[in-house]
Amino acid sequence: MFKGDCAACHLYRPWENSAATLRRACAICHEANPRASMVPDLHHLTDAAGKPLPTNEEFWRATITAGKEGTLMPP
């Protein structure tokens, strides 16, 4: 998704903290207005049944590191 000059800021720049990470690498898609229907709202994640999806540091680390297979979410 991020290639060339865009990758330099969104992927390869050292991240100071999680808030900066969210703004620089996640919000560009997940907080866009309007946001594409296939892009989830990270503040209101739900499971397949529509119930709130519990998250923790391990969940976010795994998702960011491995990406989401079958989606546009890159590792």
N, C-alpha and C. Protein backbone atom coordinates (compact mmCIF):
# COMPACT_ATOMS: atom_id res chain seq x y z
N MET A 1 0.81 -1.19 0.00
CA MET A 1 0.00 0.00 0.00
C MET A 1 0.86 1.26 0.00
N PHE A 2 1.82 1.35 0.92
CA PHE A 2 2.69 2.52 0.98
C PHE A 2 3.97 2.20 0.22
N LYS A 3 4.23 2.96 -0.82
CA LYS A 3 5.41 2.72 -1.64
C LYS A 3 6.14 4.02 -1.88
N GLY A 4 7.42 3.92 -2.24
CA GLY A 4 8.20 5.10 -2.59
C GLY A 4 8.27 6.11 -1.47
N ASP A 5 8.05 7.38 -1.80
CA ASP A 5 8.14 8.45 -0.81
C ASP A 5 7.13 8.29 0.33
N CYS A 6 5.97 7.74 0.05
CA CYS A 6 4.96 7.57 1.10
C CYS A 6 5.44 6.59 2.17
N ALA A 7 6.09 5.52 1.77
CA ALA A 7 6.59 4.54 2.73
C ALA A 7 7.62 5.14 3.66
N ALA A 8 8.39 6.11 3.18
CA ALA A 8 9.43 6.72 4.00
C ALA A 8 8.86 7.31 5.28
N CYS A 9 7.69 7.91 5.21
CA CYS A 9 7.08 8.50 6.42
C CYS A 9 6.17 7.53 7.15
N HIS A 10 5.36 6.79 6.39
CA HIS A 10 4.34 5.97 7.02
C HIS A 10 4.86 4.65 7.55
N LEU A 11 5.90 4.11 6.99
CA LEU A 11 6.35 2.79 7.41
C LEU A 11 7.75 2.76 8.02
N TYR A 12 8.66 3.52 7.51
CA TYR A 12 10.06 3.35 7.91
C TYR A 12 10.54 4.37 8.93
N ARG A 13 9.74 5.38 9.20
CA ARG A 13 10.15 6.40 10.17
C ARG A 13 10.05 5.84 11.59
N PRO A 14 11.04 6.07 12.42
CA PRO A 14 10.95 5.59 13.80
C PRO A 14 9.75 6.22 14.50
N TRP A 15 9.03 5.42 15.27
CA TRP A 15 7.84 5.91 15.95
C TRP A 15 8.13 6.17 17.41
N GLU A 16 7.79 7.38 17.84
CA GLU A 16 8.08 7.79 19.21
C GLU A 16 7.12 7.17 20.21
N ASN A 17 5.85 7.08 19.87
CA ASN A 17 4.85 6.53 20.79
C ASN A 17 3.64 6.05 20.00
N SER A 18 2.72 5.39 20.68
CA SER A 18 1.58 4.81 19.97
C SER A 18 0.66 5.87 19.37
N ALA A 19 0.51 7.03 20.00
CA ALA A 19 -0.34 8.09 19.43
C ALA A 19 0.25 8.59 18.12
N ALA A 20 1.56 8.76 18.07
CA ALA A 20 2.21 9.19 16.83
C ALA A 20 2.08 8.11 15.77
N THR A 21 2.20 6.86 16.17
CA THR A 21 2.04 5.74 15.23
C THR A 21 0.65 5.75 14.63
N LEU A 22 -0.36 5.91 15.46
CA LEU A 22 -1.74 5.93 14.97
C LEU A 22 -1.93 7.05 13.96
N ARG A 23 -1.47 8.25 14.28
CA ARG A 23 -1.65 9.38 13.35
C ARG A 23 -0.91 9.16 12.05
N ARG A 24 0.31 8.66 12.12
CA ARG A 24 1.17 8.58 10.94
C ARG A 24 0.85 7.38 10.06
N ALA A 25 0.57 6.24 10.66
CA ALA A 25 0.47 5.02 9.87
C ALA A 25 -0.92 4.41 9.80
N CYS A 26 -1.78 4.68 10.76
CA CYS A 26 -3.08 4.02 10.80
C CYS A 26 -4.23 4.95 10.42
N ALA A 27 -4.20 6.16 10.97
CA ALA A 27 -5.32 7.08 10.78
C ALA A 27 -5.52 7.47 9.33
N ILE A 28 -4.46 7.42 8.54
CA ILE A 28 -4.59 7.82 7.14
C ILE A 28 -5.69 7.02 6.43
N CYS A 29 -5.89 5.77 6.83
CA CYS A 29 -6.98 4.96 6.27
C CYS A 29 -8.13 4.79 7.27
N HIS A 30 -7.78 4.44 8.52
CA HIS A 30 -8.80 4.06 9.50
C HIS A 30 -9.57 5.23 10.08
N GLU A 31 -9.09 6.46 9.93
CA GLU A 31 -9.83 7.62 10.41
C GLU A 31 -10.13 8.61 9.29
N ALA A 32 -10.02 8.14 8.06
CA ALA A 32 -10.33 8.99 6.91
C ALA A 32 -11.82 9.36 6.93
N ASN A 33 -12.12 10.53 6.39
CA ASN A 33 -13.51 10.95 6.30
C ASN A 33 -13.76 11.43 4.88
N PRO A 34 -14.46 10.68 4.07
CA PRO A 34 -15.12 9.42 4.41
C PRO A 34 -14.13 8.25 4.42
N ARG A 35 -14.45 7.24 5.20
CA ARG A 35 -13.63 6.02 5.30
C ARG A 35 -14.25 4.95 4.42
N ALA A 36 -13.44 4.25 3.66
CA ALA A 36 -13.94 3.18 2.79
C ALA A 36 -14.66 2.13 3.64
N SER A 37 -15.72 1.57 3.13
CA SER A 37 -16.52 0.61 3.90
C SER A 37 -15.74 -0.64 4.28
N MET A 38 -14.69 -0.98 3.53
CA MET A 38 -13.91 -2.18 3.86
C MET A 38 -12.84 -1.90 4.92
N VAL A 39 -12.71 -0.65 5.35
CA VAL A 39 -11.70 -0.26 6.34
C VAL A 39 -12.39 -0.08 7.69
N PRO A 40 -12.05 -0.91 8.68
CA PRO A 40 -12.74 -0.82 9.97
C PRO A 40 -12.37 0.41 10.79
N ASP A 41 -13.30 0.84 11.62
CA ASP A 41 -13.06 1.89 12.59
C ASP A 41 -12.33 1.23 13.76
N LEU A 42 -11.08 1.57 13.97
CA LEU A 42 -10.28 0.91 15.00
C LEU A 42 -10.77 1.20 16.41
N HIS A 43 -11.57 2.23 16.58
CA HIS A 43 -12.10 2.56 17.90
C HIS A 43 -13.35 1.76 18.24
N HIS A 44 -13.95 1.10 17.25
CA HIS A 44 -15.18 0.34 17.46
C HIS A 44 -15.12 -0.99 16.70
N LEU A 45 -14.12 -1.80 16.98
CA LEU A 45 -13.98 -3.09 16.31
C LEU A 45 -15.02 -4.08 16.82
N THR A 46 -15.56 -4.87 15.89
CA THR A 46 -16.53 -5.90 16.27
C THR A 46 -16.14 -7.23 15.64
N ASP A 47 -16.64 -8.32 16.23
CA ASP A 47 -16.38 -9.64 15.67
C ASP A 47 -17.42 -9.93 14.59
N ALA A 48 -17.41 -11.14 14.05
CA ALA A 48 -18.32 -11.50 12.96
C ALA A 48 -19.79 -11.41 13.38
N ALA A 49 -20.06 -11.56 14.68
CA ALA A 49 -21.44 -11.49 15.19
C ALA A 49 -21.85 -10.06 15.53
N GLY A 50 -20.93 -9.10 15.35
CA GLY A 50 -21.24 -7.71 15.65
C GLY A 50 -21.01 -7.32 17.10
N LYS A 51 -20.42 -8.22 17.89
CA LYS A 51 -20.12 -7.92 19.29
C LYS A 51 -18.77 -7.21 19.38
N PRO A 52 -18.61 -6.33 20.37
CA PRO A 52 -17.32 -5.64 20.52
C PRO A 52 -16.16 -6.64 20.61
N LEU A 53 -15.11 -6.36 19.88
CA LEU A 53 -13.94 -7.23 19.84
C LEU A 53 -12.95 -6.77 20.90
N PRO A 54 -12.66 -7.64 21.88
CA PRO A 54 -11.69 -7.23 22.89
C PRO A 54 -10.29 -7.14 22.29
N THR A 55 -9.57 -6.12 22.67
CA THR A 55 -8.21 -5.94 22.17
C THR A 55 -7.27 -5.68 23.35
N ASN A 56 -6.02 -5.95 23.11
CA ASN A 56 -4.98 -5.65 24.09
C ASN A 56 -3.68 -5.44 23.31
N GLU A 57 -2.61 -5.21 24.02
CA GLU A 57 -1.34 -4.95 23.34
C GLU A 57 -0.94 -6.11 22.42
N GLU A 58 -1.16 -7.33 22.87
CA GLU A 58 -0.81 -8.50 22.05
C GLU A 58 -1.62 -8.53 20.74
N PHE A 59 -2.92 -8.21 20.83
CA PHE A 59 -3.78 -8.16 19.65
C PHE A 59 -3.23 -7.17 18.63
N TRP A 60 -2.92 -5.94 19.10
CA TRP A 60 -2.44 -4.89 18.18
C TRP A 60 -1.07 -5.23 17.61
N ARG A 61 -0.19 -5.76 18.45
CA ARG A 61 1.15 -6.12 17.98
C ARG A 61 1.07 -7.19 16.89
N ALA A 62 0.25 -8.21 17.10
CA ALA A 62 0.09 -9.29 16.11
C ALA A 62 -0.52 -8.76 14.82
N THR A 63 -1.55 -7.93 14.93
CA THR A 63 -2.22 -7.39 13.75
C THR A 63 -1.27 -6.52 12.93
N ILE A 64 -0.54 -5.65 13.61
CA ILE A 64 0.37 -4.75 12.91
C ILE A 64 1.55 -5.51 12.31
N THR A 65 2.06 -6.50 13.04
CA THR A 65 3.22 -7.26 12.58
C THR A 65 2.87 -8.20 11.42
N ALA A 66 1.75 -8.89 11.52
CA ALA A 66 1.39 -9.90 10.53
C ALA A 66 0.42 -9.40 9.47
N GLY A 67 -0.24 -8.27 9.72
CA GLY A 67 -1.27 -7.82 8.80
C GLY A 67 -2.52 -8.66 8.96
N LYS A 68 -3.47 -8.49 8.06
CA LYS A 68 -4.71 -9.26 8.08
C LYS A 68 -4.86 -9.97 6.75
N GLU A 69 -4.66 -11.27 6.76
CA GLU A 69 -4.73 -12.06 5.54
C GLU A 69 -6.11 -11.90 4.88
N GLY A 70 -6.10 -11.77 3.56
CA GLY A 70 -7.33 -11.63 2.80
C GLY A 70 -7.90 -10.23 2.81
N THR A 71 -7.13 -9.25 3.34
CA THR A 71 -7.58 -7.86 3.36
C THR A 71 -6.48 -6.96 2.77
N LEU A 72 -6.73 -5.66 2.75
CA LEU A 72 -5.74 -4.71 2.27
C LEU A 72 -4.75 -4.32 3.36
N MET A 73 -4.91 -4.86 4.59
CA MET A 73 -4.05 -4.50 5.71
C MET A 73 -2.70 -5.18 5.58
N PRO A 74 -1.64 -4.38 5.31
CA PRO A 74 -0.30 -4.97 5.15
C PRO A 74 0.38 -5.17 6.51
N PRO A 75 1.34 -6.08 6.56
CA PRO A 75 2.12 -6.21 7.80
C PRO A 75 3.05 -5.01 7.99
